[in-house]
Amino acid sequence: MKVRLDREAIALRAAKELQDGWAVNLGMGIPNLILMHRPENKTVIFHTENGALGFGPVLGEEDSGQRDDNFINASAQYITPLPGMSFFDHATSFGIIRGGHLDATILGGLQVSEKGDLANWTAPERAVKTIGGAMDLVAGAKRVIVTMEHTTKDGRPKILKQCTYPLTGKACVNLIVTDLAVIEVTEKGLVLKEIAPDWTAEEIQALTEAKLLEASDLKEIEL
């Protein structure tokens, strides 16, 4: 059986997209792992919609002595305070999002369509349905990056011709980073830019419902 990238590797690859000076919001799950993989020699300012800007990595169980209930993100995880970190209310936080002041948001995804539509807040089989700040983020951020597994647990494609789950946003996704590929959303369609080691473009297409256009400089994913 061929090996797929793990969640840490997906986060590492997504982190390479971050540019110096960017203000970035991270969603739950794989995106939050990016806090542990900040790009070297770049200043990236992380934002959380519950009202903090400029924080560091999530604290693990081994760091329980450093935890402070005042320093948490929107996923209720303890975060590391950094010099210059600021706090504000929800109205100000969403003003940052809706005002277009975030350079990027990195979110998890349940489905992405060939047009860059995103469904990530609920599925019909889920008992709990929570929108959170996702709809504001995909509408307000300058760049939207989705990190997710390429297929569901039972092998069904998550990159589709059309999303079947309720949408978070239409034509909002710029880049998809999965455990198999890096795919850019363009006006011409989905462009396969990078593939996981030992996988072929044909094998990835077989696990993707939407048509993939192979980039002229297609290469192996580099971490």
N, C-alpha and C. Protein backbone atom coordinates (compact mmCIF):
# COMPACT_ATOMS: atom_id res chain seq x y z
N MET A 1 0.84 -1.20 0.00
CA MET A 1 0.00 0.00 0.00
C MET A 1 0.88 1.25 0.00
N LYS A 2 0.55 2.20 -0.86
CA LYS A 2 1.33 3.43 -0.94
C LYS A 2 1.08 4.32 0.27
N VAL A 3 2.11 5.04 0.67
CA VAL A 3 2.05 5.87 1.87
C VAL A 3 1.58 7.28 1.51
N ARG A 4 0.65 7.79 2.29
CA ARG A 4 0.19 9.16 2.15
C ARG A 4 0.90 10.04 3.19
N LEU A 5 0.89 11.33 2.96
CA LEU A 5 1.44 12.26 3.94
C LEU A 5 0.58 12.23 5.20
N ASP A 6 1.21 12.38 6.37
CA ASP A 6 0.42 12.47 7.60
C ASP A 6 0.00 13.91 7.83
N ARG A 7 -0.76 14.13 8.89
CA ARG A 7 -1.31 15.46 9.16
C ARG A 7 -0.20 16.49 9.39
N GLU A 8 0.87 16.09 10.06
CA GLU A 8 1.99 17.00 10.30
C GLU A 8 2.62 17.44 8.98
N ALA A 9 2.76 16.49 8.06
CA ALA A 9 3.37 16.81 6.77
C ALA A 9 2.48 17.74 5.95
N ILE A 10 1.16 17.53 6.02
CA ILE A 10 0.24 18.44 5.33
C ILE A 10 0.41 19.86 5.88
N ALA A 11 0.49 19.97 7.20
CA ALA A 11 0.67 21.28 7.84
C ALA A 11 2.01 21.90 7.44
N LEU A 12 3.05 21.10 7.39
CA LEU A 12 4.37 21.59 6.98
C LEU A 12 4.32 22.17 5.56
N ARG A 13 3.65 21.45 4.66
CA ARG A 13 3.58 21.95 3.28
C ARG A 13 2.75 23.22 3.20
N ALA A 14 1.65 23.27 3.92
CA ALA A 14 0.81 24.48 3.90
C ALA A 14 1.57 25.67 4.47
N ALA A 15 2.39 25.42 5.48
CA ALA A 15 3.15 26.51 6.11
C ALA A 15 4.11 27.18 5.14
N LYS A 16 4.54 26.45 4.11
CA LYS A 16 5.45 27.03 3.13
C LYS A 16 4.79 28.14 2.31
N GLU A 17 3.46 28.19 2.33
CA GLU A 17 2.75 29.22 1.57
C GLU A 17 2.76 30.57 2.28
N LEU A 18 3.06 30.57 3.57
CA LEU A 18 2.98 31.80 4.34
C LEU A 18 4.14 32.73 4.02
N GLN A 19 3.83 34.00 3.88
CA GLN A 19 4.83 34.99 3.51
C GLN A 19 5.14 35.94 4.67
N ASP A 20 6.30 36.53 4.61
CA ASP A 20 6.76 37.44 5.66
C ASP A 20 5.79 38.61 5.82
N GLY A 21 5.38 38.85 7.07
CA GLY A 21 4.50 39.97 7.37
C GLY A 21 3.03 39.67 7.27
N TRP A 22 2.68 38.47 6.88
CA TRP A 22 1.26 38.11 6.74
C TRP A 22 0.56 38.00 8.09
N ALA A 23 -0.72 38.37 8.09
CA ALA A 23 -1.62 38.11 9.22
C ALA A 23 -2.50 36.94 8.77
N VAL A 24 -2.53 35.86 9.58
CA VAL A 24 -3.14 34.60 9.15
C VAL A 24 -4.03 34.02 10.24
N ASN A 25 -5.21 33.56 9.83
CA ASN A 25 -6.10 32.85 10.74
C ASN A 25 -6.03 31.35 10.44
N LEU A 26 -5.94 30.54 11.49
CA LEU A 26 -5.86 29.09 11.34
C LEU A 26 -7.11 28.43 11.87
N GLY A 27 -7.68 27.51 11.09
CA GLY A 27 -8.85 26.76 11.52
C GLY A 27 -8.48 25.60 12.42
N MET A 28 -9.49 24.85 12.81
CA MET A 28 -9.29 23.70 13.69
C MET A 28 -8.65 22.54 12.93
N GLY A 29 -8.05 21.62 13.68
CA GLY A 29 -7.49 20.42 13.08
C GLY A 29 -6.11 20.65 12.49
N ILE A 30 -5.92 20.19 11.25
CA ILE A 30 -4.62 20.29 10.59
C ILE A 30 -4.07 21.71 10.57
N PRO A 31 -4.89 22.74 10.25
CA PRO A 31 -4.33 24.10 10.23
C PRO A 31 -3.66 24.52 11.53
N ASN A 32 -4.21 24.12 12.68
CA ASN A 32 -3.60 24.52 13.95
C ASN A 32 -2.21 23.95 14.14
N LEU A 33 -1.89 22.85 13.45
CA LEU A 33 -0.55 22.27 13.54
C LEU A 33 0.50 23.19 12.94
N ILE A 34 0.07 24.12 12.09
CA ILE A 34 1.00 25.06 11.46
C ILE A 34 1.69 25.94 12.50
N LEU A 35 1.03 26.15 13.64
CA LEU A 35 1.65 26.93 14.70
C LEU A 35 2.98 26.33 15.15
N MET A 36 3.11 25.01 15.00
CA MET A 36 4.34 24.32 15.39
C MET A 36 5.39 24.34 14.28
N HIS A 37 5.00 24.85 13.12
CA HIS A 37 5.91 24.82 11.96
C HIS A 37 5.99 26.20 11.31
N ARG A 38 6.22 27.21 12.12
CA ARG A 38 6.35 28.57 11.58
C ARG A 38 7.49 28.63 10.56
N PRO A 39 7.27 29.31 9.45
CA PRO A 39 8.36 29.45 8.47
C PRO A 39 9.56 30.17 9.09
N GLU A 40 10.74 29.61 8.88
CA GLU A 40 11.95 30.25 9.44
C GLU A 40 12.24 31.56 8.71
N ASN A 41 12.78 32.50 9.46
CA ASN A 41 13.18 33.81 8.91
C ASN A 41 12.01 34.61 8.35
N LYS A 42 10.78 34.29 8.80
CA LYS A 42 9.61 35.06 8.39
C LYS A 42 8.80 35.42 9.63
N THR A 43 8.25 36.60 9.62
CA THR A 43 7.36 37.02 10.70
C THR A 43 5.92 36.83 10.23
N VAL A 44 5.24 35.85 10.82
CA VAL A 44 3.84 35.59 10.50
C VAL A 44 3.03 35.86 11.76
N ILE A 45 2.01 36.70 11.64
CA ILE A 45 1.20 37.11 12.80
C ILE A 45 -0.10 36.32 12.76
N PHE A 46 -0.29 35.46 13.76
CA PHE A 46 -1.48 34.60 13.77
C PHE A 46 -2.64 35.25 14.51
N HIS A 47 -3.82 35.07 13.94
CA HIS A 47 -5.05 35.67 14.45
C HIS A 47 -6.04 34.58 14.82
N THR A 48 -6.80 34.77 15.90
CA THR A 48 -7.87 33.86 16.24
C THR A 48 -9.14 34.66 16.46
N GLU A 49 -10.26 34.15 15.94
CA GLU A 49 -11.49 34.94 15.91
C GLU A 49 -12.08 35.21 17.28
N ASN A 50 -11.63 34.50 18.33
CA ASN A 50 -12.14 34.82 19.66
C ASN A 50 -11.42 36.02 20.27
N GLY A 51 -10.47 36.62 19.54
CA GLY A 51 -9.92 37.90 19.96
C GLY A 51 -8.48 37.96 20.40
N ALA A 52 -7.55 37.42 19.60
CA ALA A 52 -6.13 37.53 19.90
C ALA A 52 -5.34 37.62 18.60
N LEU A 53 -4.21 38.30 18.67
CA LEU A 53 -3.38 38.50 17.49
C LEU A 53 -1.91 38.47 17.93
N GLY A 54 -1.10 37.65 17.24
CA GLY A 54 0.33 37.64 17.51
C GLY A 54 0.77 36.63 18.56
N PHE A 55 0.19 35.43 18.53
CA PHE A 55 0.53 34.41 19.53
C PHE A 55 1.41 33.33 18.92
N GLY A 56 1.90 32.43 19.80
CA GLY A 56 2.79 31.37 19.38
C GLY A 56 2.14 30.01 19.40
N PRO A 57 2.95 28.94 19.48
CA PRO A 57 2.45 27.56 19.36
C PRO A 57 1.44 27.18 20.43
N VAL A 58 0.65 26.17 20.12
CA VAL A 58 -0.27 25.56 21.08
C VAL A 58 0.55 24.80 22.11
N LEU A 59 0.16 24.89 23.38
CA LEU A 59 0.86 24.19 24.45
C LEU A 59 0.31 22.78 24.60
N GLY A 60 1.20 21.81 24.76
CA GLY A 60 0.81 20.43 24.92
C GLY A 60 0.64 20.06 26.38
N GLU A 61 0.32 18.78 26.62
CA GLU A 61 0.13 18.29 27.98
C GLU A 61 1.38 18.48 28.82
N GLU A 62 2.54 18.35 28.17
CA GLU A 62 3.80 18.50 28.91
C GLU A 62 4.06 19.93 29.35
N ASP A 63 3.28 20.88 28.80
CA ASP A 63 3.46 22.29 29.16
C ASP A 63 2.36 22.78 30.09
N SER A 64 1.73 21.87 30.82
CA SER A 64 0.57 22.24 31.64
C SER A 64 0.89 23.34 32.66
N GLY A 65 2.13 23.40 33.10
CA GLY A 65 2.51 24.42 34.08
C GLY A 65 2.55 25.81 33.50
N GLN A 66 2.59 25.93 32.17
CA GLN A 66 2.66 27.24 31.52
C GLN A 66 1.29 27.73 31.04
N ARG A 67 0.28 26.92 31.22
CA ARG A 67 -1.04 27.27 30.70
C ARG A 67 -1.69 28.40 31.48
N ASP A 68 -2.34 29.27 30.73
CA ASP A 68 -3.05 30.40 31.32
C ASP A 68 -4.42 30.46 30.65
N ASP A 69 -5.49 30.46 31.42
CA ASP A 69 -6.84 30.45 30.87
C ASP A 69 -7.15 31.69 30.04
N ASN A 70 -6.34 32.73 30.15
CA ASN A 70 -6.54 33.93 29.33
C ASN A 70 -5.98 33.77 27.92
N PHE A 71 -5.11 32.77 27.74
CA PHE A 71 -4.44 32.59 26.46
C PHE A 71 -4.95 31.33 25.77
N ILE A 72 -6.08 31.44 25.07
CA ILE A 72 -6.63 30.31 24.32
C ILE A 72 -7.05 30.78 22.94
N ASN A 73 -7.11 29.83 22.00
CA ASN A 73 -7.57 30.17 20.66
C ASN A 73 -9.02 29.76 20.48
N ALA A 74 -9.53 29.88 19.25
CA ALA A 74 -10.95 29.59 19.00
C ALA A 74 -11.27 28.11 19.13
N SER A 75 -10.25 27.27 19.17
CA SER A 75 -10.45 25.83 19.37
C SER A 75 -10.32 25.44 20.84
N ALA A 76 -10.28 26.46 21.72
CA ALA A 76 -10.13 26.26 23.17
C ALA A 76 -8.82 25.57 23.52
N GLN A 77 -7.78 25.84 22.73
CA GLN A 77 -6.45 25.31 23.01
C GLN A 77 -5.59 26.40 23.65
N TYR A 78 -4.74 26.00 24.57
CA TYR A 78 -3.84 26.96 25.20
C TYR A 78 -2.73 27.35 24.22
N ILE A 79 -2.50 28.65 24.12
CA ILE A 79 -1.49 29.16 23.19
C ILE A 79 -0.38 29.89 23.95
N THR A 80 0.77 29.99 23.29
CA THR A 80 1.93 30.65 23.88
C THR A 80 1.86 32.15 23.62
N PRO A 81 1.90 32.97 24.67
CA PRO A 81 1.93 34.42 24.45
C PRO A 81 3.29 34.85 23.92
N LEU A 82 3.30 35.80 23.00
CA LEU A 82 4.53 36.35 22.46
C LEU A 82 4.58 37.86 22.70
N PRO A 83 5.76 38.46 22.74
CA PRO A 83 5.86 39.91 22.89
C PRO A 83 5.04 40.63 21.83
N GLY A 84 4.22 41.59 22.25
CA GLY A 84 3.40 42.34 21.32
C GLY A 84 2.04 41.73 21.07
N MET A 85 1.76 40.59 21.68
CA MET A 85 0.45 39.94 21.50
C MET A 85 -0.65 40.87 22.00
N SER A 86 -1.76 40.91 21.28
CA SER A 86 -2.86 41.81 21.65
C SER A 86 -4.17 41.05 21.77
N PHE A 87 -5.10 41.62 22.55
CA PHE A 87 -6.41 41.02 22.78
C PHE A 87 -7.50 42.03 22.48
N PHE A 88 -8.67 41.53 22.06
CA PHE A 88 -9.78 42.43 21.74
C PHE A 88 -11.06 41.62 21.74
N ASP A 89 -12.19 42.33 21.66
CA ASP A 89 -13.48 41.64 21.72
C ASP A 89 -13.83 41.02 20.36
N HIS A 90 -14.93 40.24 20.35
CA HIS A 90 -15.33 39.55 19.12
C HIS A 90 -15.67 40.53 18.00
N ALA A 91 -16.28 41.65 18.35
CA ALA A 91 -16.66 42.61 17.32
C ALA A 91 -15.43 43.13 16.59
N THR A 92 -14.39 43.46 17.34
CA THR A 92 -13.14 43.93 16.73
C THR A 92 -12.48 42.82 15.92
N SER A 93 -12.50 41.60 16.47
CA SER A 93 -11.89 40.48 15.77
C SER A 93 -12.55 40.23 14.42
N PHE A 94 -13.89 40.24 14.41
CA PHE A 94 -14.59 40.02 13.15
C PHE A 94 -14.51 41.24 12.25
N GLY A 95 -14.25 42.41 12.83
CA GLY A 95 -13.99 43.59 12.01
C GLY A 95 -12.70 43.42 11.23
N ILE A 96 -11.70 42.79 11.86
CA ILE A 96 -10.44 42.49 11.17
C ILE A 96 -10.70 41.54 10.00
N ILE A 97 -11.52 40.51 10.25
CA ILE A 97 -11.81 39.52 9.22
C ILE A 97 -12.62 40.14 8.09
N ARG A 98 -13.74 40.76 8.44
CA ARG A 98 -14.66 41.29 7.43
C ARG A 98 -14.10 42.50 6.71
N GLY A 99 -13.14 43.18 7.36
CA GLY A 99 -12.53 44.35 6.74
C GLY A 99 -11.44 44.02 5.74
N GLY A 100 -11.16 42.72 5.54
CA GLY A 100 -10.16 42.32 4.56
C GLY A 100 -8.73 42.49 5.03
N HIS A 101 -8.51 42.44 6.35
CA HIS A 101 -7.17 42.68 6.89
C HIS A 101 -6.34 41.42 7.07
N LEU A 102 -6.93 40.25 6.82
CA LEU A 102 -6.18 39.00 6.91
C LEU A 102 -5.61 38.65 5.54
N ASP A 103 -4.33 38.36 5.52
CA ASP A 103 -3.70 37.98 4.25
C ASP A 103 -4.10 36.58 3.83
N ALA A 104 -4.38 35.72 4.80
CA ALA A 104 -4.76 34.35 4.46
C ALA A 104 -5.52 33.71 5.60
N THR A 105 -6.34 32.74 5.27
CA THR A 105 -6.91 31.84 6.26
C THR A 105 -6.65 30.43 5.77
N ILE A 106 -6.29 29.55 6.69
CA ILE A 106 -6.06 28.15 6.37
C ILE A 106 -7.08 27.34 7.14
N LEU A 107 -7.92 26.59 6.41
CA LEU A 107 -9.05 25.89 7.00
C LEU A 107 -9.03 24.41 6.63
N GLY A 108 -9.70 23.62 7.42
CA GLY A 108 -9.95 22.24 7.04
C GLY A 108 -11.09 22.19 6.05
N GLY A 109 -11.28 21.06 5.40
CA GLY A 109 -12.36 20.95 4.42
C GLY A 109 -13.00 19.58 4.43
N LEU A 110 -14.31 19.56 4.20
CA LEU A 110 -15.03 18.31 3.99
C LEU A 110 -15.14 18.02 2.50
N GLN A 111 -15.37 19.08 1.72
CA GLN A 111 -15.46 18.96 0.27
C GLN A 111 -14.99 20.27 -0.37
N VAL A 112 -14.35 20.17 -1.53
CA VAL A 112 -14.01 21.33 -2.36
C VAL A 112 -14.43 20.99 -3.78
N SER A 113 -15.06 21.95 -4.46
CA SER A 113 -15.51 21.71 -5.83
C SER A 113 -14.46 22.19 -6.83
N GLU A 114 -14.68 21.83 -8.10
CA GLU A 114 -13.74 22.22 -9.15
C GLU A 114 -13.71 23.74 -9.37
N LYS A 115 -14.73 24.43 -8.87
CA LYS A 115 -14.76 25.89 -8.97
C LYS A 115 -14.20 26.58 -7.73
N GLY A 116 -13.78 25.79 -6.75
CA GLY A 116 -13.24 26.37 -5.52
C GLY A 116 -14.29 26.64 -4.47
N ASP A 117 -15.49 26.05 -4.63
CA ASP A 117 -16.49 26.13 -3.55
C ASP A 117 -16.00 25.29 -2.39
N LEU A 118 -16.30 25.72 -1.17
CA LEU A 118 -15.87 25.00 0.02
C LEU A 118 -17.05 24.62 0.89
N ALA A 119 -17.06 23.37 1.33
CA ALA A 119 -18.01 22.89 2.33
C ALA A 119 -17.19 22.35 3.50
N ASN A 120 -17.29 23.00 4.65
CA ASN A 120 -16.48 22.52 5.77
C ASN A 120 -17.14 22.67 7.14
N TRP A 121 -18.39 23.13 7.19
CA TRP A 121 -18.95 23.41 8.51
C TRP A 121 -19.92 22.33 8.98
N THR A 122 -20.45 21.54 8.06
CA THR A 122 -21.35 20.48 8.50
C THR A 122 -21.53 19.44 7.41
N ALA A 123 -21.99 18.28 7.81
CA ALA A 123 -22.38 17.21 6.89
C ALA A 123 -23.71 16.66 7.38
N PRO A 124 -24.55 16.14 6.49
CA PRO A 124 -25.88 15.66 6.89
C PRO A 124 -25.85 14.66 8.04
N GLU A 125 -24.80 13.84 8.10
CA GLU A 125 -24.76 12.81 9.14
C GLU A 125 -24.26 13.32 10.48
N ARG A 126 -23.84 14.58 10.53
CA ARG A 126 -23.31 15.13 11.78
C ARG A 126 -24.43 15.63 12.68
N ALA A 127 -24.38 15.24 13.95
CA ALA A 127 -25.39 15.69 14.90
C ALA A 127 -25.16 17.15 15.29
N VAL A 128 -23.88 17.53 15.43
CA VAL A 128 -23.53 18.90 15.82
C VAL A 128 -23.19 19.69 14.56
N LYS A 129 -23.84 20.83 14.40
CA LYS A 129 -23.61 21.67 13.23
C LYS A 129 -23.19 23.06 13.70
N THR A 130 -21.91 23.40 13.51
CA THR A 130 -21.38 24.67 13.98
C THR A 130 -20.69 25.42 12.85
N ILE A 131 -21.14 26.63 12.60
CA ILE A 131 -20.55 27.44 11.53
C ILE A 131 -19.27 28.12 12.01
N GLY A 132 -19.28 28.63 13.24
CA GLY A 132 -18.11 29.35 13.73
C GLY A 132 -17.84 30.58 12.88
N GLY A 133 -16.57 30.88 12.65
CA GLY A 133 -16.23 32.06 11.85
C GLY A 133 -15.87 31.72 10.42
N ALA A 134 -16.08 30.47 9.99
CA ALA A 134 -15.61 30.03 8.67
C ALA A 134 -16.17 30.84 7.52
N MET A 135 -17.47 31.14 7.57
CA MET A 135 -18.08 31.87 6.45
C MET A 135 -17.51 33.28 6.33
N ASP A 136 -17.27 33.91 7.47
CA ASP A 136 -16.65 35.25 7.44
C ASP A 136 -15.22 35.16 6.92
N LEU A 137 -14.50 34.13 7.35
CA LEU A 137 -13.10 33.99 6.97
C LEU A 137 -12.93 33.79 5.47
N VAL A 138 -13.72 32.91 4.86
CA VAL A 138 -13.53 32.66 3.43
C VAL A 138 -14.00 33.84 2.58
N ALA A 139 -14.86 34.66 3.15
CA ALA A 139 -15.33 35.86 2.43
C ALA A 139 -14.37 37.03 2.61
N GLY A 140 -13.69 37.08 3.77
CA GLY A 140 -12.90 38.27 4.08
C GLY A 140 -11.40 38.14 3.86
N ALA A 141 -10.84 36.94 3.96
CA ALA A 141 -9.39 36.78 3.81
C ALA A 141 -8.97 36.93 2.34
N LYS A 142 -7.77 37.43 2.13
CA LYS A 142 -7.29 37.65 0.77
C LYS A 142 -6.95 36.34 0.06
N ARG A 143 -6.58 35.33 0.84
CA ARG A 143 -6.22 34.04 0.26
C ARG A 143 -6.77 32.93 1.15
N VAL A 144 -7.37 31.91 0.54
CA VAL A 144 -7.96 30.80 1.28
C VAL A 144 -7.25 29.50 0.89
N ILE A 145 -6.66 28.85 1.89
CA ILE A 145 -5.95 27.59 1.68
C ILE A 145 -6.68 26.51 2.48
N VAL A 146 -6.98 25.40 1.83
CA VAL A 146 -7.68 24.29 2.49
C VAL A 146 -6.72 23.13 2.68
N THR A 147 -6.66 22.61 3.90
CA THR A 147 -5.85 21.43 4.20
C THR A 147 -6.78 20.30 4.60
N MET A 148 -6.59 19.11 4.01
CA MET A 148 -7.48 17.99 4.31
C MET A 148 -6.92 16.70 3.72
N GLU A 149 -7.48 15.57 4.15
CA GLU A 149 -7.18 14.31 3.49
C GLU A 149 -7.85 14.33 2.11
N HIS A 150 -7.24 13.64 1.15
CA HIS A 150 -7.73 13.68 -0.23
C HIS A 150 -9.05 12.96 -0.39
N THR A 151 -9.26 11.92 0.43
CA THR A 151 -10.49 11.14 0.36
C THR A 151 -11.08 10.94 1.75
N THR A 152 -12.31 10.49 1.81
CA THR A 152 -12.94 10.17 3.09
C THR A 152 -12.34 8.87 3.63
N LYS A 153 -12.73 8.51 4.85
CA LYS A 153 -12.21 7.29 5.46
C LYS A 153 -12.57 6.04 4.68
N ASP A 154 -13.69 6.10 3.95
CA ASP A 154 -14.08 4.94 3.14
C ASP A 154 -13.69 5.10 1.67
N GLY A 155 -12.77 6.04 1.40
CA GLY A 155 -12.19 6.15 0.07
C GLY A 155 -12.93 6.98 -0.95
N ARG A 156 -13.97 7.70 -0.53
CA ARG A 156 -14.72 8.54 -1.48
C ARG A 156 -14.00 9.87 -1.70
N PRO A 157 -14.02 10.40 -2.93
CA PRO A 157 -13.35 11.67 -3.22
C PRO A 157 -13.93 12.84 -2.40
N LYS A 158 -13.07 13.75 -2.01
CA LYS A 158 -13.50 14.97 -1.33
C LYS A 158 -13.34 16.19 -2.23
N ILE A 159 -12.64 16.00 -3.35
CA ILE A 159 -12.52 17.06 -4.35
C ILE A 159 -13.43 16.68 -5.50
N LEU A 160 -14.53 17.42 -5.63
CA LEU A 160 -15.67 17.01 -6.46
C LEU A 160 -15.96 17.99 -7.58
N LYS A 161 -16.76 17.55 -8.52
CA LYS A 161 -17.26 18.47 -9.55
C LYS A 161 -18.18 19.51 -8.89
N GLN A 162 -18.96 19.06 -7.95
CA GLN A 162 -19.87 19.96 -7.23
C GLN A 162 -20.04 19.44 -5.81
N CYS A 163 -19.97 20.34 -4.83
CA CYS A 163 -20.13 19.94 -3.43
C CYS A 163 -21.56 19.47 -3.18
N THR A 164 -21.68 18.43 -2.37
CA THR A 164 -23.00 17.92 -2.00
C THR A 164 -23.39 18.33 -0.58
N TYR A 165 -22.45 18.83 0.18
CA TYR A 165 -22.72 19.31 1.54
C TYR A 165 -23.05 20.81 1.49
N PRO A 166 -23.69 21.34 2.54
CA PRO A 166 -23.96 22.79 2.59
C PRO A 166 -22.66 23.59 2.46
N LEU A 167 -22.71 24.64 1.65
CA LEU A 167 -21.50 25.41 1.37
C LEU A 167 -21.13 26.37 2.50
N THR A 168 -19.82 26.53 2.66
CA THR A 168 -19.28 27.58 3.52
C THR A 168 -19.08 28.85 2.69
N GLY A 169 -18.63 28.67 1.46
CA GLY A 169 -18.43 29.80 0.56
C GLY A 169 -18.31 29.33 -0.87
N LYS A 170 -18.67 30.20 -1.82
CA LYS A 170 -18.59 29.88 -3.24
C LYS A 170 -17.31 30.47 -3.85
N ALA A 171 -16.66 29.67 -4.68
CA ALA A 171 -15.48 30.11 -5.44
C ALA A 171 -14.50 30.89 -4.57
N CYS A 172 -14.24 30.37 -3.40
CA CYS A 172 -13.41 31.09 -2.43
C CYS A 172 -12.03 30.48 -2.22
N VAL A 173 -11.83 29.22 -2.61
CA VAL A 173 -10.58 28.51 -2.33
C VAL A 173 -9.54 28.83 -3.39
N ASN A 174 -8.32 29.14 -2.94
CA ASN A 174 -7.21 29.38 -3.85
C ASN A 174 -6.28 28.19 -4.00
N LEU A 175 -6.08 27.45 -2.90
CA LEU A 175 -5.13 26.34 -2.93
C LEU A 175 -5.63 25.22 -2.02
N ILE A 176 -5.43 23.96 -2.47
CA ILE A 176 -5.78 22.78 -1.68
C ILE A 176 -4.51 21.99 -1.41
N VAL A 177 -4.27 21.69 -0.14
CA VAL A 177 -3.12 20.85 0.23
C VAL A 177 -3.67 19.60 0.90
N THR A 178 -3.45 18.45 0.28
CA THR A 178 -3.96 17.19 0.83
C THR A 178 -2.80 16.26 1.16
N ASP A 179 -3.16 15.05 1.59
CA ASP A 179 -2.13 14.05 1.89
C ASP A 179 -1.56 13.41 0.62
N LEU A 180 -2.07 13.84 -0.54
CA LEU A 180 -1.59 13.31 -1.81
C LEU A 180 -1.10 14.37 -2.78
N ALA A 181 -1.57 15.61 -2.62
CA ALA A 181 -1.31 16.58 -3.68
C ALA A 181 -1.43 18.03 -3.20
N VAL A 182 -0.85 18.91 -4.01
CA VAL A 182 -1.07 20.35 -3.89
C VAL A 182 -1.76 20.78 -5.18
N ILE A 183 -2.93 21.37 -5.04
CA ILE A 183 -3.77 21.70 -6.20
C ILE A 183 -4.16 23.17 -6.15
N GLU A 184 -3.92 23.87 -7.24
CA GLU A 184 -4.28 25.29 -7.34
C GLU A 184 -5.62 25.43 -8.06
N VAL A 185 -6.48 26.29 -7.51
CA VAL A 185 -7.77 26.57 -8.15
C VAL A 185 -7.58 27.76 -9.10
N THR A 186 -7.83 27.55 -10.37
CA THR A 186 -7.66 28.61 -11.36
C THR A 186 -8.94 28.77 -12.18
N GLU A 187 -8.99 29.80 -13.01
CA GLU A 187 -10.15 30.02 -13.87
C GLU A 187 -10.32 28.88 -14.88
N LYS A 188 -9.22 28.22 -15.22
CA LYS A 188 -9.28 27.13 -16.19
C LYS A 188 -9.63 25.80 -15.54
N GLY A 189 -9.53 25.74 -14.22
CA GLY A 189 -9.83 24.51 -13.51
C GLY A 189 -8.83 24.22 -12.42
N LEU A 190 -8.82 23.00 -11.93
CA LEU A 190 -7.93 22.59 -10.85
C LEU A 190 -6.59 22.12 -11.43
N VAL A 191 -5.52 22.78 -11.03
CA VAL A 191 -4.20 22.46 -11.56
C VAL A 191 -3.40 21.66 -10.53
N LEU A 192 -3.01 20.46 -10.92
CA LEU A 192 -2.20 19.60 -10.06
C LEU A 192 -0.76 20.08 -10.12
N LYS A 193 -0.27 20.66 -9.00
CA LYS A 193 1.05 21.27 -8.96
C LYS A 193 2.12 20.34 -8.37
N GLU A 194 1.72 19.60 -7.33
CA GLU A 194 2.68 18.73 -6.64
C GLU A 194 1.98 17.44 -6.23
N ILE A 195 2.76 16.35 -6.20
CA ILE A 195 2.19 15.06 -5.80
C ILE A 195 3.05 14.41 -4.73
N ALA A 196 2.43 13.57 -3.92
CA ALA A 196 3.14 12.88 -2.85
C ALA A 196 4.16 11.91 -3.42
N PRO A 197 5.25 11.64 -2.70
CA PRO A 197 6.27 10.71 -3.19
C PRO A 197 5.69 9.34 -3.55
N ASP A 198 6.15 8.80 -4.67
CA ASP A 198 5.79 7.47 -5.16
C ASP A 198 4.37 7.39 -5.73
N TRP A 199 3.68 8.52 -5.82
CA TRP A 199 2.36 8.54 -6.44
C TRP A 199 2.47 9.14 -7.84
N THR A 200 1.53 8.77 -8.70
CA THR A 200 1.49 9.33 -10.05
C THR A 200 0.27 10.23 -10.20
N ALA A 201 0.31 11.08 -11.21
CA ALA A 201 -0.83 11.96 -11.48
C ALA A 201 -2.08 11.15 -11.80
N GLU A 202 -1.90 10.04 -12.49
CA GLU A 202 -3.04 9.19 -12.86
C GLU A 202 -3.69 8.58 -11.62
N GLU A 203 -2.88 8.16 -10.66
CA GLU A 203 -3.42 7.57 -9.44
C GLU A 203 -4.19 8.60 -8.62
N ILE A 204 -3.69 9.83 -8.59
CA ILE A 204 -4.38 10.88 -7.85
C ILE A 204 -5.68 11.28 -8.55
N GLN A 205 -5.65 11.32 -9.88
CA GLN A 205 -6.88 11.62 -10.62
C GLN A 205 -7.95 10.56 -10.34
N ALA A 206 -7.55 9.32 -10.20
CA ALA A 206 -8.50 8.24 -9.94
C ALA A 206 -9.20 8.41 -8.60
N LEU A 207 -8.60 9.18 -7.69
CA LEU A 207 -9.18 9.42 -6.37
C LEU A 207 -9.82 10.80 -6.28
N THR A 208 -9.96 11.45 -7.43
CA THR A 208 -10.50 12.81 -7.51
C THR A 208 -11.65 12.82 -8.52
N GLU A 209 -12.83 13.27 -8.08
CA GLU A 209 -13.95 13.33 -9.02
C GLU A 209 -13.78 14.44 -10.04
N ALA A 210 -13.34 15.61 -9.59
CA ALA A 210 -13.13 16.73 -10.50
C ALA A 210 -11.93 16.46 -11.39
N LYS A 211 -11.93 17.01 -12.59
CA LYS A 211 -10.81 16.83 -13.51
C LYS A 211 -9.62 17.67 -13.04
N LEU A 212 -8.44 17.05 -13.07
CA LEU A 212 -7.21 17.75 -12.70
C LEU A 212 -6.39 18.05 -13.95
N LEU A 213 -5.92 19.28 -14.05
CA LEU A 213 -5.03 19.68 -15.14
C LEU A 213 -3.60 19.57 -14.64
N GLU A 214 -2.79 18.81 -15.32
CA GLU A 214 -1.42 18.58 -14.87
C GLU A 214 -0.55 19.79 -15.20
N ALA A 215 0.12 20.34 -14.19
CA ALA A 215 1.00 21.49 -14.38
C ALA A 215 2.21 21.09 -15.22
N SER A 216 2.70 22.02 -16.01
CA SER A 216 3.87 21.73 -16.86
C SER A 216 5.11 21.46 -16.02
N ASP A 217 5.14 22.02 -14.81
CA ASP A 217 6.29 21.82 -13.91
C ASP A 217 5.90 20.94 -12.72
N LEU A 218 5.01 19.98 -12.94
CA LEU A 218 4.56 19.07 -11.87
C LEU A 218 5.77 18.46 -11.18
N LYS A 219 5.75 18.46 -9.85
CA LYS A 219 6.89 17.94 -9.09
C LYS A 219 6.41 17.23 -7.82
N GLU A 220 7.34 16.61 -7.15
CA GLU A 220 7.05 15.94 -5.89
C GLU A 220 6.92 16.97 -4.78
N ILE A 221 6.03 16.73 -3.83
CA ILE A 221 5.85 17.65 -2.70
C ILE A 221 7.14 17.75 -1.90
N GLU A 222 7.56 18.98 -1.63
CA GLU A 222 8.76 19.22 -0.82
C GLU A 222 8.36 19.84 0.50
N LEU A 223 8.91 19.34 1.60
CA LEU A 223 8.58 19.84 2.93
C LEU A 223 9.72 20.65 3.50
